[in-house]
Amino acid sequence: MTAPSSLHAPIGFDDFLQVELRVGRIVAAEVFPQARKPAYLLQVDFGPALGLRKSSAQITQLYQPEDLVGRQVVAVLNFPKKQIGPIQSECLVTGFHNADGHVALCVPDREVPLDTKLL
């Protein structure tokens, strides 16, 4: 089977381990009116050691704010903070584009402890 042409050059396992992909729980979600593209401002709890982090997420096509609260998500925690309008995004909540180009969240399929690292 031929690999898709969009794959990047191979990386080593140690490179993968440097990306801090952790599980958090969305504790607050609201419309982010200052964002250039429709987005929500999320507050994600990563447990006592890592705490609460803010993120802007362009997931408005598939989710309503009230449906997000309480959900576990996978986020990158070791990117530098990014200024997005009036807030600094402190993590990158991950997802996948569906067939329509809308973002579906990357989530564990079972409940796991907050701060769990993706393997």
PDB file of N, CA and C in Angstrom:
ATOM      1  N   MET A   1       0.845  -1.181   0.000  1.00  0.00           N
ATOM      2  CA  MET A   1       0.000   0.000   0.000  1.00  0.00           C
ATOM      3  C   MET A   1       0.886   1.237   0.000  1.00  0.00           C
ATOM      4  N   THR A   2       0.587   2.185  -0.828  1.00  0.00           N
ATOM      5  CA  THR A   2       1.349   3.419  -0.933  1.00  0.00           C
ATOM      6  C   THR A   2       0.825   4.431   0.075  1.00  0.00           C
ATOM      7  N   ALA A   3       1.747   5.105   0.782  1.00  0.00           N
ATOM      8  CA  ALA A   3       1.364   6.122   1.758  1.00  0.00           C
ATOM      9  C   ALA A   3       0.837   7.352   1.027  1.00  0.00           C
ATOM     10  N   PRO A   4      -0.159   8.030   1.618  1.00  0.00           N
ATOM     11  CA  PRO A   4      -0.661   9.267   1.009  1.00  0.00           C
ATOM     12  C   PRO A   4       0.466  10.287   0.875  1.00  0.00           C
ATOM     13  N   SER A   5       0.404  11.104  -0.166  1.00  0.00           N
ATOM     14  CA  SER A   5       1.463  12.080  -0.413  1.00  0.00           C
ATOM     15  C   SER A   5       1.490  13.197   0.619  1.00  0.00           C
ATOM     16  N   SER A   6       0.462  13.332   1.443  1.00  0.00           N
ATOM     17  CA  SER A   6       0.423  14.423   2.410  1.00  0.00           C
ATOM     18  C   SER A   6       1.160  14.106   3.712  1.00  0.00           C
ATOM     19  N   LEU A   7       1.724  12.914   3.847  1.00  0.00           N
ATOM     20  CA  LEU A   7       2.454  12.586   5.063  1.00  0.00           C
ATOM     21  C   LEU A   7       3.767  13.354   5.115  1.00  0.00           C
ATOM     22  N   HIS A   8       4.155  13.772   6.308  1.00  0.00           N
ATOM     23  CA  HIS A   8       5.434  14.446   6.513  1.00  0.00           C
ATOM     24  C   HIS A   8       6.538  13.401   6.617  1.00  0.00           C
ATOM     25  N   ALA A   9       7.761  13.862   6.633  1.00  0.00           N
ATOM     26  CA  ALA A   9       8.901  12.968   6.802  1.00  0.00           C
ATOM     27  C   ALA A   9       8.775  12.238   8.141  1.00  0.00           C
ATOM     28  N   PRO A  10       9.228  10.994   8.208  1.00  0.00           N
ATOM     29  CA  PRO A  10       9.141  10.234   9.467  1.00  0.00           C
ATOM     30  C   PRO A  10       9.890  10.941  10.603  1.00  0.00           C
ATOM     31  N   ILE A  11       9.366  10.773  11.811  1.00  0.00           N
ATOM     32  CA  ILE A  11      10.027  11.287  13.008  1.00  0.00           C
ATOM     33  C   ILE A  11      10.330  10.107  13.915  1.00  0.00           C
ATOM     34  N   GLY A  12      11.229  10.307  14.838  1.00  0.00           N
ATOM     35  CA  GLY A  12      11.542   9.280  15.815  1.00  0.00           C
ATOM     36  C   GLY A  12      10.536   9.291  16.949  1.00  0.00           C
ATOM     37  N   PHE A  13      10.466   8.185  17.682  1.00  0.00           N
ATOM     38  CA  PHE A  13       9.541   8.077  18.805  1.00  0.00           C
ATOM     39  C   PHE A  13       9.842   9.146  19.855  1.00  0.00           C
ATOM     40  N   ASP A  14      11.114   9.462  20.059  1.00  0.00           N
ATOM     41  CA  ASP A  14      11.474  10.505  21.028  1.00  0.00           C
ATOM     42  C   ASP A  14      10.906  11.860  20.619  1.00  0.00           C
ATOM     43  N   ASP A  15      10.836  12.125  19.305  1.00  0.00           N
ATOM     44  CA  ASP A  15      10.220  13.370  18.824  1.00  0.00           C
ATOM     45  C   ASP A  15       8.742  13.405  19.197  1.00  0.00           C
ATOM     46  N   PHE A  16       8.057  12.285  18.990  1.00  0.00           N
ATOM     47  CA  PHE A  16       6.635  12.191  19.331  1.00  0.00           C
ATOM     48  C   PHE A  16       6.419  12.436  20.824  1.00  0.00           C
ATOM     49  N   LEU A  17       7.293  11.865  21.645  1.00  0.00           N
ATOM     50  CA  LEU A  17       7.145  11.999  23.098  1.00  0.00           C
ATOM     51  C   LEU A  17       7.314  13.439  23.567  1.00  0.00           C
ATOM     52  N   GLN A  18       7.926  14.293  22.755  1.00  0.00           N
ATOM     53  CA  GLN A  18       8.098  15.694  23.143  1.00  0.00           C
ATOM     54  C   GLN A  18       6.796  16.485  23.063  1.00  0.00           C
ATOM     55  N   VAL A  19       5.832  15.997  22.312  1.00  0.00           N
ATOM     56  CA  VAL A  19       4.541  16.684  22.207  1.00  0.00           C
ATOM     57  C   VAL A  19       3.692  16.279  23.406  1.00  0.00           C
ATOM     58  N   GLU A  20       3.331  17.257  24.215  1.00  0.00           N
ATOM     59  CA  GLU A  20       2.534  17.008  25.415  1.00  0.00           C
ATOM     60  C   GLU A  20       1.044  16.996  25.065  1.00  0.00           C
ATOM     61  N   LEU A  21       0.558  15.854  24.611  1.00  0.00           N
ATOM     62  CA  LEU A  21      -0.868  15.662  24.327  1.00  0.00           C
ATOM     63  C   LEU A  21      -1.505  15.094  25.585  1.00  0.00           C
ATOM     64  N   ARG A  22      -2.346  15.886  26.226  1.00  0.00           N
ATOM     65  CA  ARG A  22      -2.935  15.518  27.516  1.00  0.00           C
ATOM     66  C   ARG A  22      -4.455  15.607  27.474  1.00  0.00           C
ATOM     67  N   VAL A  23      -5.081  14.860  28.371  1.00  0.00           N
ATOM     68  CA  VAL A  23      -6.540  14.873  28.494  1.00  0.00           C
ATOM     69  C   VAL A  23      -6.955  15.927  29.522  1.00  0.00           C
ATOM     70  N   GLY A  24      -7.931  16.721  29.129  1.00  0.00           N
ATOM     71  CA  GLY A  24      -8.530  17.694  30.029  1.00  0.00           C
ATOM     72  C   GLY A  24     -10.043  17.636  29.913  1.00  0.00           C
ATOM     73  N   ARG A  25     -10.705  18.334  30.813  1.00  0.00           N
ATOM     74  CA  ARG A  25     -12.174  18.389  30.784  1.00  0.00           C
ATOM     75  C   ARG A  25     -12.609  19.842  30.592  1.00  0.00           C
ATOM     76  N   ILE A  26     -13.477  20.064  29.624  1.00  0.00           N
ATOM     77  CA  ILE A  26     -14.021  21.401  29.394  1.00  0.00           C
ATOM     78  C   ILE A  26     -14.942  21.743  30.558  1.00  0.00           C
ATOM     79  N   VAL A  27     -14.630  22.844  31.233  1.00  0.00           N
ATOM     80  CA  VAL A  27     -15.454  23.261  32.373  1.00  0.00           C
ATOM     81  C   VAL A  27     -16.271  24.510  32.052  1.00  0.00           C
ATOM     82  N   ALA A  28     -15.921  25.206  30.964  1.00  0.00           N
ATOM     83  CA  ALA A  28     -16.694  26.369  30.524  1.00  0.00           C
ATOM     84  C   ALA A  28     -16.492  26.542  29.025  1.00  0.00           C
ATOM     85  N   ALA A  29     -17.565  26.943  28.350  1.00  0.00           N
ATOM     86  CA  ALA A  29     -17.523  27.193  26.905  1.00  0.00           C
ATOM     87  C   ALA A  29     -18.492  28.328  26.600  1.00  0.00           C
ATOM     88  N   GLU A  30     -17.992  29.302  25.855  1.00  0.00           N
ATOM     89  CA  GLU A  30     -18.844  30.430  25.479  1.00  0.00           C
ATOM     90  C   GLU A  30     -18.453  30.920  24.089  1.00  0.00           C
ATOM     91  N   VAL A  31     -19.383  31.570  23.437  1.00  0.00           N
ATOM     92  CA  VAL A  31     -19.101  32.163  22.130  1.00  0.00           C
ATOM     93  C   VAL A  31     -17.994  33.192  22.309  1.00  0.00           C
ATOM     94  N   PHE A  32     -17.060  33.192  21.369  1.00  0.00           N
ATOM     95  CA  PHE A  32     -15.904  34.094  21.409  1.00  0.00           C
ATOM     96  C   PHE A  32     -16.099  35.148  20.320  1.00  0.00           C
ATOM     97  N   PRO A  33     -16.838  36.233  20.617  1.00  0.00           N
ATOM     98  CA  PRO A  33     -17.217  37.188  19.586  1.00  0.00           C
ATOM     99  C   PRO A  33     -16.048  37.950  18.961  1.00  0.00           C
ATOM    100  N   GLN A  34     -14.916  38.058  19.661  1.00  0.00           N
ATOM    101  CA  GLN A  34     -13.768  38.802  19.128  1.00  0.00           C
ATOM    102  C   GLN A  34     -12.939  37.985  18.141  1.00  0.00           C
ATOM    103  N   ALA A  35     -13.196  36.686  18.025  1.00  0.00           N
ATOM    104  CA  ALA A  35     -12.435  35.844  17.097  1.00  0.00           C
ATOM    105  C   ALA A  35     -12.779  36.231  15.658  1.00  0.00           C
ATOM    106  N   ARG A  36     -11.780  36.136  14.756  1.00  0.00           N
ATOM    107  CA  ARG A  36     -12.013  36.472  13.348  1.00  0.00           C
ATOM    108  C   ARG A  36     -12.949  35.483  12.676  1.00  0.00           C
ATOM    109  N   LYS A  37     -12.810  34.201  13.005  1.00  0.00           N
ATOM    110  CA  LYS A  37     -13.699  33.154  12.499  1.00  0.00           C
ATOM    111  C   LYS A  37     -14.533  32.660  13.663  1.00  0.00           C
ATOM    112  N   PRO A  38     -15.763  32.161  13.418  1.00  0.00           N
ATOM    113  CA  PRO A  38     -16.599  31.696  14.521  1.00  0.00           C
ATOM    114  C   PRO A  38     -15.847  30.684  15.403  1.00  0.00           C
ATOM    115  N   ALA A  39     -15.856  30.963  16.705  1.00  0.00           N
ATOM    116  CA  ALA A  39     -15.114  30.123  17.646  1.00  0.00           C
ATOM    117  C   ALA A  39     -15.750  30.196  19.030  1.00  0.00           C
ATOM    118  N   TYR A  40     -15.338  29.254  19.869  1.00  0.00           N
ATOM    119  CA  TYR A  40     -15.703  29.267  21.282  1.00  0.00           C
ATOM    120  C   TYR A  40     -14.447  29.522  22.101  1.00  0.00           C
ATOM    121  N   LEU A  41     -14.631  30.174  23.223  1.00  0.00           N
ATOM    122  CA  LEU A  41     -13.589  30.305  24.222  1.00  0.00           C
ATOM    123  C   LEU A  41     -13.826  29.190  25.232  1.00  0.00           C
ATOM    124  N   LEU A  42     -12.852  28.307  25.371  1.00  0.00           N
ATOM    125  CA  LEU A  42     -12.975  27.158  26.265  1.00  0.00           C
ATOM    126  C   LEU A  42     -12.071  27.333  27.469  1.00  0.00           C
ATOM    127  N   GLN A  43     -12.546  26.863  28.616  1.00  0.00           N
ATOM    128  CA  GLN A  43     -11.731  26.709  29.815  1.00  0.00           C
ATOM    129  C   GLN A  43     -11.609  25.201  30.014  1.00  0.00           C
ATOM    130  N   VAL A  44     -10.369  24.696  30.006  1.00  0.00           N
ATOM    131  CA  VAL A  44     -10.140  23.249  30.087  1.00  0.00           C
ATOM    132  C   VAL A  44      -9.338  22.949  31.344  1.00  0.00           C
ATOM    133  N   ASP A  45      -9.852  22.044  32.161  1.00  0.00           N
ATOM    134  CA  ASP A  45      -9.198  21.632  33.410  1.00  0.00           C
ATOM    135  C   ASP A  45      -8.321  20.414  33.143  1.00  0.00           C
ATOM    136  N   PHE A  46      -7.029  20.544  33.445  1.00  0.00           N
ATOM    137  CA  PHE A  46      -6.084  19.441  33.269  1.00  0.00           C
ATOM    138  C   PHE A  46      -5.652  18.850  34.604  1.00  0.00           C
ATOM    139  N   GLY A  47      -6.415  19.087  35.658  1.00  0.00           N
ATOM    140  CA  GLY A  47      -6.117  18.510  36.963  1.00  0.00           C
ATOM    141  C   GLY A  47      -5.238  19.416  37.801  1.00  0.00           C
ATOM    142  N   PRO A  48      -4.989  18.990  39.057  1.00  0.00           N
ATOM    143  CA  PRO A  48      -4.266  19.841  40.009  1.00  0.00           C
ATOM    144  C   PRO A  48      -2.855  20.233  39.576  1.00  0.00           C
ATOM    145  N   ALA A  49      -2.134  19.346  38.921  1.00  0.00           N
ATOM    146  CA  ALA A  49      -0.739  19.636  38.558  1.00  0.00           C
ATOM    147  C   ALA A  49      -0.631  20.662  37.432  1.00  0.00           C
ATOM    148  N   LEU A  50      -1.548  20.626  36.464  1.00  0.00           N
ATOM    149  CA  LEU A  50      -1.455  21.500  35.286  1.00  0.00           C
ATOM    150  C   LEU A  50      -2.492  22.612  35.277  1.00  0.00           C
ATOM    151  N   GLY A  51      -3.565  22.451  36.026  1.00  0.00           N
ATOM    152  CA  GLY A  51      -4.552  23.498  36.204  1.00  0.00           C
ATOM    153  C   GLY A  51      -5.463  23.764  35.020  1.00  0.00           C
ATOM    154  N   LEU A  52      -6.060  24.941  35.060  1.00  0.00           N
ATOM    155  CA  LEU A  52      -7.047  25.393  34.084  1.00  0.00           C
ATOM    156  C   LEU A  52      -6.329  26.151  32.973  1.00  0.00           C
ATOM    157  N   ARG A  53      -6.685  25.847  31.721  1.00  0.00           N
ATOM    158  CA  ARG A  53      -6.085  26.523  30.562  1.00  0.00           C
ATOM    159  C   ARG A  53      -7.185  27.020  29.633  1.00  0.00           C
ATOM    160  N   LYS A  54      -6.923  28.173  28.982  1.00  0.00           N
ATOM    161  CA  LYS A  54      -7.861  28.740  28.007  1.00  0.00           C
ATOM    162  C   LYS A  54      -7.473  28.288  26.606  1.00  0.00           C
ATOM    163  N   SER A  55      -8.486  28.150  25.761  1.00  0.00           N
ATOM    164  CA  SER A  55      -8.249  27.832  24.360  1.00  0.00           C
ATOM    165  C   SER A  55      -9.379  28.403  23.519  1.00  0.00           C
ATOM    166  N   SER A  56      -9.033  28.839  22.321  1.00  0.00           N
ATOM    167  CA  SER A  56     -10.031  29.232  21.338  1.00  0.00           C
ATOM    168  C   SER A  56     -10.183  28.055  20.373  1.00  0.00           C
ATOM    169  N   ALA A  57     -11.413  27.663  20.100  1.00  0.00           N
ATOM    170  CA  ALA A  57     -11.636  26.499  19.240  1.00  0.00           C
ATOM    171  C   ALA A  57     -12.704  26.807  18.196  1.00  0.00           C
ATOM    172  N   GLN A  58     -12.354  26.573  16.932  1.00  0.00           N
ATOM    173  CA  GLN A  58     -13.289  26.795  15.823  1.00  0.00           C
ATOM    174  C   GLN A  58     -14.098  25.516  15.595  1.00  0.00           C
ATOM    175  N   ILE A  59     -15.012  25.262  16.510  1.00  0.00           N
ATOM    176  CA  ILE A  59     -15.818  24.035  16.490  1.00  0.00           C
ATOM    177  C   ILE A  59     -17.312  24.348  16.532  1.00  0.00           C
ATOM    178  N   THR A  60     -17.675  25.541  16.079  1.00  0.00           N
ATOM    179  CA  THR A  60     -19.051  26.011  16.216  1.00  0.00           C
ATOM    180  C   THR A  60     -20.053  25.285  15.316  1.00  0.00           C
ATOM    181  N   GLN A  61     -19.579  24.662  14.235  1.00  0.00           N
ATOM    182  CA  GLN A  61     -20.512  23.996  13.322  1.00  0.00           C
ATOM    183  C   GLN A  61     -21.073  22.699  13.911  1.00  0.00           C
ATOM    184  N   LEU A  62     -20.296  22.028  14.741  1.00  0.00           N
ATOM    185  CA  LEU A  62     -20.720  20.717  15.245  1.00  0.00           C
ATOM    186  C   LEU A  62     -21.113  20.700  16.717  1.00  0.00           C
ATOM    187  N   TYR A  63     -20.814  21.776  17.447  1.00  0.00           N
ATOM    188  CA  TYR A  63     -21.044  21.778  18.896  1.00  0.00           C
ATOM    189  C   TYR A  63     -21.704  23.068  19.346  1.00  0.00           C
ATOM    190  N   GLN A  64     -22.506  22.961  20.403  1.00  0.00           N
ATOM    191  CA  GLN A  64     -23.058  24.111  21.106  1.00  0.00           C
ATOM    192  C   GLN A  64     -22.322  24.218  22.438  1.00  0.00           C
ATOM    193  N   PRO A  65     -22.144  25.427  22.977  1.00  0.00           N
ATOM    194  CA  PRO A  65     -21.390  25.574  24.220  1.00  0.00           C
ATOM    195  C   PRO A  65     -21.886  24.663  25.348  1.00  0.00           C
ATOM    196  N   GLU A  66     -23.196  24.567  25.502  1.00  0.00           N
ATOM    197  CA  GLU A  66     -23.741  23.756  26.604  1.00  0.00           C
ATOM    198  C   GLU A  66     -23.454  22.264  26.439  1.00  0.00           C
ATOM    199  N   ASP A  67     -23.215  21.819  25.202  1.00  0.00           N
ATOM    200  CA  ASP A  67     -22.901  20.406  24.959  1.00  0.00           C
ATOM    201  C   ASP A  67     -21.427  20.091  25.219  1.00  0.00           C
ATOM    202  N   LEU A  68     -20.597  21.115  25.310  1.00  0.00           N
ATOM    203  CA  LEU A  68     -19.156  20.911  25.492  1.00  0.00           C
ATOM    204  C   LEU A  68     -18.760  20.759  26.950  1.00  0.00           C
ATOM    205  N   VAL A  69     -19.463  21.444  27.842  1.00  0.00           N
ATOM    206  CA  VAL A  69     -19.110  21.416  29.263  1.00  0.00           C
ATOM    207  C   VAL A  69     -19.232  19.987  29.796  1.00  0.00           C
ATOM    208  N   GLY A  70     -18.151  19.533  30.425  1.00  0.00           N
ATOM    209  CA  GLY A  70     -18.101  18.181  30.979  1.00  0.00           C
ATOM    210  C   GLY A  70     -17.408  17.171  30.083  1.00  0.00           C
ATOM    211  N   ARG A  71     -17.172  17.527  28.831  1.00  0.00           N
ATOM    212  CA  ARG A  71     -16.519  16.603  27.891  1.00  0.00           C
ATOM    213  C   ARG A  71     -15.021  16.576  28.098  1.00  0.00           C
ATOM    214  N   GLN A  72     -14.444  15.389  27.954  1.00  0.00           N
ATOM    215  CA  GLN A  72     -12.998  15.275  27.934  1.00  0.00           C
ATOM    216  C   GLN A  72     -12.502  15.530  26.517  1.00  0.00           C
ATOM    217  N   VAL A  73     -11.327  16.162  26.415  1.00  0.00           N
ATOM    218  CA  VAL A  73     -10.707  16.465  25.126  1.00  0.00           C
ATOM    219  C   VAL A  73      -9.213  16.187  25.225  1.00  0.00           C
ATOM    220  N   VAL A  74      -8.581  16.080  24.059  1.00  0.00           N
ATOM    221  CA  VAL A  74      -7.129  15.933  23.981  1.00  0.00           C
ATOM    222  C   VAL A  74      -6.569  17.262  23.492  1.00  0.00           C
ATOM    223  N   ALA A  75      -5.564  17.766  24.191  1.00  0.00           N
ATOM    224  CA  ALA A  75      -4.979  19.064  23.834  1.00  0.00           C
ATOM    225  C   ALA A  75      -3.454  19.013  23.916  1.00  0.00           C
ATOM    226  N   VAL A  76      -2.823  19.861  23.117  1.00  0.00           N
ATOM    227  CA  VAL A  76      -1.374  20.039  23.180  1.00  0.00           C
ATOM    228  C   VAL A  76      -1.110  21.132  24.212  1.00  0.00           C
ATOM    229  N   LEU A  77      -0.255  20.818  25.197  1.00  0.00           N
ATOM    230  CA  LEU A  77       0.007  21.777  26.267  1.00  0.00           C
ATOM    231  C   LEU A  77       1.352  22.473  26.162  1.00  0.00           C
ATOM    232  N   ASN A  78       2.252  21.988  25.326  1.00  0.00           N
ATOM    233  CA  ASN A  78       3.581  22.609  25.313  1.00  0.00           C
ATOM    234  C   ASN A  78       3.872  23.457  24.076  1.00  0.00           C
ATOM    235  N   PHE A  79       2.818  23.971  23.423  1.00  0.00           N
ATOM    236  CA  PHE A  79       3.021  25.031  22.438  1.00  0.00           C
ATOM    237  C   PHE A  79       3.141  26.351  23.202  1.00  0.00           C
ATOM    238  N   PRO A  80       3.828  27.337  22.642  1.00  0.00           N
ATOM    239  CA  PRO A  80       3.842  28.655  23.300  1.00  0.00           C
ATOM    240  C   PRO A  80       2.428  29.239  23.312  1.00  0.00           C
ATOM    241  N   LYS A  81       2.163  30.094  24.293  1.00  0.00           N
ATOM    242  CA  LYS A  81       0.871  30.784  24.336  1.00  0.00           C
ATOM    243  C   LYS A  81       0.717  31.603  23.064  1.00  0.00           C
ATOM    244  N   LYS A  82      -0.540  31.727  22.599  1.00  0.00           N
ATOM    245  CA  LYS A  82      -0.808  32.460  21.362  1.00  0.00           C
ATOM    246  C   LYS A  82      -1.886  33.499  21.629  1.00  0.00           C
ATOM    247  N   GLN A  83      -1.607  34.730  21.248  1.00  0.00           N
ATOM    248  CA  GLN A  83      -2.579  35.806  21.419  1.00  0.00           C
ATOM    249  C   GLN A  83      -3.659  35.671  20.356  1.00  0.00           C
ATOM    250  N   ILE A  84      -4.902  35.548  20.785  1.00  0.00           N
ATOM    251  CA  ILE A  84      -6.042  35.474  19.878  1.00  0.00           C
ATOM    252  C   ILE A  84      -7.050  36.516  20.350  1.00  0.00           C
ATOM    253  N   GLY A  85      -7.077  37.621  19.648  1.00  0.00           N
ATOM    254  CA  GLY A  85      -7.929  38.719  20.098  1.00  0.00           C
ATOM    255  C   GLY A  85      -7.500  39.153  21.485  1.00  0.00           C
ATOM    256  N   PRO A  86      -8.447  39.279  22.415  1.00  0.00           N
ATOM    257  CA  PRO A  86      -8.108  39.767  23.754  1.00  0.00           C
ATOM    258  C   PRO A  86      -7.583  38.680  24.713  1.00  0.00           C
ATOM    259  N   ILE A  87      -7.511  37.436  24.273  1.00  0.00           N
ATOM    260  CA  ILE A  87      -7.074  36.368  25.181  1.00  0.00           C
ATOM    261  C   ILE A  87      -5.789  35.710  24.684  1.00  0.00           C
ATOM    262  N   GLN A  88      -5.107  35.045  25.602  1.00  0.00           N
ATOM    263  CA  GLN A  88      -3.964  34.226  25.236  1.00  0.00           C
ATOM    264  C   GLN A  88      -4.409  32.776  25.310  1.00  0.00           C
ATOM    265  N   SER A  89      -4.327  32.077  24.182  1.00  0.00           N
ATOM    266  CA  SER A  89      -4.645  30.657  24.152  1.00  0.00           C
ATOM    267  C   SER A  89      -3.484  29.916  24.798  1.00  0.00           C
ATOM    268  N   GLU A  90      -3.799  29.059  25.773  1.00  0.00           N
ATOM    269  CA  GLU A  90      -2.773  28.376  26.562  1.00  0.00           C
ATOM    270  C   GLU A  90      -2.640  26.896  26.227  1.00  0.00           C
ATOM    271  N   CYS A  91      -3.471  26.420  25.317  1.00  0.00           N
ATOM    272  CA  CYS A  91      -3.372  25.036  24.855  1.00  0.00           C
ATOM    273  C   CYS A  91      -4.089  24.942  23.508  1.00  0.00           C
ATOM    274  N   LEU A  92      -3.810  23.870  22.781  1.00  0.00           N
ATOM    275  CA  LEU A  92      -4.458  23.643  21.490  1.00  0.00           C
ATOM    276  C   LEU A  92      -5.331  22.403  21.607  1.00  0.00           C
ATOM    277  N   VAL A  93      -6.640  22.606  21.621  1.00  0.00           N
ATOM    278  CA  VAL A  93      -7.580  21.491  21.642  1.00  0.00           C
ATOM    279  C   VAL A  93      -7.560  20.850  20.258  1.00  0.00           C
ATOM    280  N   THR A  94      -7.422  19.536  20.202  1.00  0.00           N
ATOM    281  CA  THR A  94      -7.239  18.850  18.930  1.00  0.00           C
ATOM    282  C   THR A  94      -8.546  18.329  18.354  1.00  0.00           C
ATOM    283  N   GLY A  95      -8.539  18.131  17.036  1.00  0.00           N
ATOM    284  CA  GLY A  95      -9.708  17.607  16.348  1.00  0.00           C
ATOM    285  C   GLY A  95      -9.359  17.192  14.939  1.00  0.00           C
ATOM    286  N   PHE A  96     -10.372  16.729  14.233  1.00  0.00           N
ATOM    287  CA  PHE A  96     -10.232  16.248  12.860  1.00  0.00           C
ATOM    288  C   PHE A  96     -11.275  16.926  11.997  1.00  0.00           C
ATOM    289  N   HIS A  97     -10.918  17.266  10.757  1.00  0.00           N
ATOM    290  CA  HIS A  97     -11.911  17.788   9.819  1.00  0.00           C
ATOM    291  C   HIS A  97     -12.764  16.628   9.314  1.00  0.00           C
ATOM    292  N   ASN A  98     -14.080  16.813   9.337  1.00  0.00           N
ATOM    293  CA  ASN A  98     -14.961  15.797   8.759  1.00  0.00           C
ATOM    294  C   ASN A  98     -15.089  16.038   7.254  1.00  0.00           C
ATOM    295  N   ALA A  99     -15.944  15.288   6.594  1.00  0.00           N
ATOM    296  CA  ALA A  99     -16.094  15.384   5.135  1.00  0.00           C
ATOM    297  C   ALA A  99     -16.554  16.773   4.694  1.00  0.00           C
ATOM    298  N   ASP A 100     -17.227  17.505   5.584  1.00  0.00           N
ATOM    299  CA  ASP A 100     -17.689  18.858   5.258  1.00  0.00           C
ATOM    300  C   ASP A 100     -16.694  19.944   5.655  1.00  0.00           C
ATOM    301  N   GLY A 101     -15.552  19.545   6.221  1.00  0.00           N
ATOM    302  CA  GLY A 101     -14.544  20.506   6.644  1.00  0.00           C
ATOM    303  C   GLY A 101     -14.765  21.072   8.035  1.00  0.00           C
ATOM    304  N   HIS A 102     -15.744  20.545   8.765  1.00  0.00           N
ATOM    305  CA  HIS A 102     -16.000  20.994  10.131  1.00  0.00           C
ATOM    306  C   HIS A 102     -15.151  20.173  11.098  1.00  0.00           C
ATOM    307  N   VAL A 103     -14.770  20.785  12.211  1.00  0.00           N
ATOM    308  CA  VAL A 103     -13.873  20.124  13.161  1.00  0.00           C
ATOM    309  C   VAL A 103     -14.649  19.305  14.177  1.00  0.00           C
ATOM    310  N   ALA A 104     -14.313  18.007  14.230  1.00  0.00           N
ATOM    311  CA  ALA A 104     -14.825  17.088  15.252  1.00  0.00           C
ATOM    312  C   ALA A 104     -13.716  16.911  16.279  1.00  0.00           C
ATOM    313  N   LEU A 105     -14.042  17.044  17.541  1.00  0.00           N
ATOM    314  CA  LEU A 105     -13.043  16.956  18.600  1.00  0.00           C
ATOM    315  C   LEU A 105     -12.390  15.585  18.678  1.00  0.00           C
ATOM    316  N   CYS A 106     -11.117  15.594  19.047  1.00  0.00           N
ATOM    317  CA  CYS A 106     -10.385  14.363  19.353  1.00  0.00           C
ATOM    318  C   CYS A 106     -10.611  14.099  20.846  1.00  0.00           C
ATOM    319  N   VAL A 107     -11.268  12.995  21.153  1.00  0.00           N
ATOM    320  CA  VAL A 107     -11.641  12.697  22.541  1.00  0.00           C
ATOM    321  C   VAL A 107     -11.333  11.239  22.877  1.00  0.00           C
ATOM    322  N   PRO A 108     -11.043  10.956  24.146  1.00  0.00           N
ATOM    323  CA  PRO A 108     -10.909   9.540  24.529  1.00  0.00           C
ATOM    324  C   PRO A 108     -12.280   8.876  24.457  1.00  0.00           C
ATOM    325  N   ASP A 109     -12.325   7.596  24.092  1.00  0.00           N
ATOM    326  CA  ASP A 109     -13.627   6.931  23.997  1.00  0.00           C
ATOM    327  C   ASP A 109     -14.085   6.344  25.332  1.00  0.00           C
ATOM    328  N   ARG A 110     -13.248   6.465  26.361  1.00  0.00           N
ATOM    329  CA  ARG A 110     -13.608   6.083  27.727  1.00  0.00           C
ATOM    330  C   ARG A 110     -13.080   7.177  28.650  1.00  0.00           C
ATOM    331  N   GLU A 111     -13.694   7.313  29.807  1.00  0.00           N
ATOM    332  CA  GLU A 111     -13.246   8.276  30.812  1.00  0.00           C
ATOM    333  C   GLU A 111     -11.831   7.906  31.276  1.00  0.00           C
ATOM    334  N   VAL A 112     -10.940   8.884  31.300  1.00  0.00           N
ATOM    335  CA  VAL A 112      -9.575   8.684  31.797  1.00  0.00           C
ATOM    336  C   VAL A 112      -9.245   9.826  32.760  1.00  0.00           C
ATOM    337  N   PRO A 113      -8.252   9.625  33.646  1.00  0.00           N
ATOM    338  CA  PRO A 113      -7.900  10.701  34.577  1.00  0.00           C
ATOM    339  C   PRO A 113      -7.407  11.947  33.842  1.00  0.00           C
ATOM    340  N   LEU A 114      -7.740  13.122  34.398  1.00  0.00           N
ATOM    341  CA  LEU A 114      -7.243  14.367  33.838  1.00  0.00           C
ATOM    342  C   LEU A 114      -5.723  14.342  33.858  1.00  0.00           C
ATOM    343  N   ASP A 115      -5.108  14.975  32.874  1.00  0.00           N
ATOM    344  CA  ASP A 115      -3.653  15.078  32.732  1.00  0.00           C
ATOM    345  C   ASP A 115      -3.026  13.815  32.124  1.00  0.00           C
ATOM    346  N   THR A 116      -3.835  12.790  31.781  1.00  0.00           N
ATOM    347  CA  THR A 116      -3.273  11.593  31.173  1.00  0.00           C
ATOM    348  C   THR A 116      -2.639  11.959  29.838  1.00  0.00           C
ATOM    349  N   LYS A 117      -1.433  11.444  29.607  1.00  0.00           N
ATOM    350  CA  LYS A 117      -0.697  11.741  28.367  1.00  0.00           C
ATOM    351  C   LYS A 117      -1.074  10.721  27.300  1.00  0.00           C
ATOM    352  N   LEU A 118      -1.283  11.203  26.068  1.00  0.00           N
ATOM    353  CA  LEU A 118      -1.563  10.332  24.946  1.00  0.00           C
ATOM    354  C   LEU A 118      -0.313   9.518  24.632  1.00  0.00           C
ATOM    355  N   LEU A 119      -0.499   8.243  24.411  1.00  0.00           N
ATOM    356  CA  LEU A 119       0.631   7.346  24.111  1.00  0.00           C
ATOM    357  C   LEU A 119       0.668   7.025  22.644  1.00  0.00           C
TER     358      LEU A 119
END
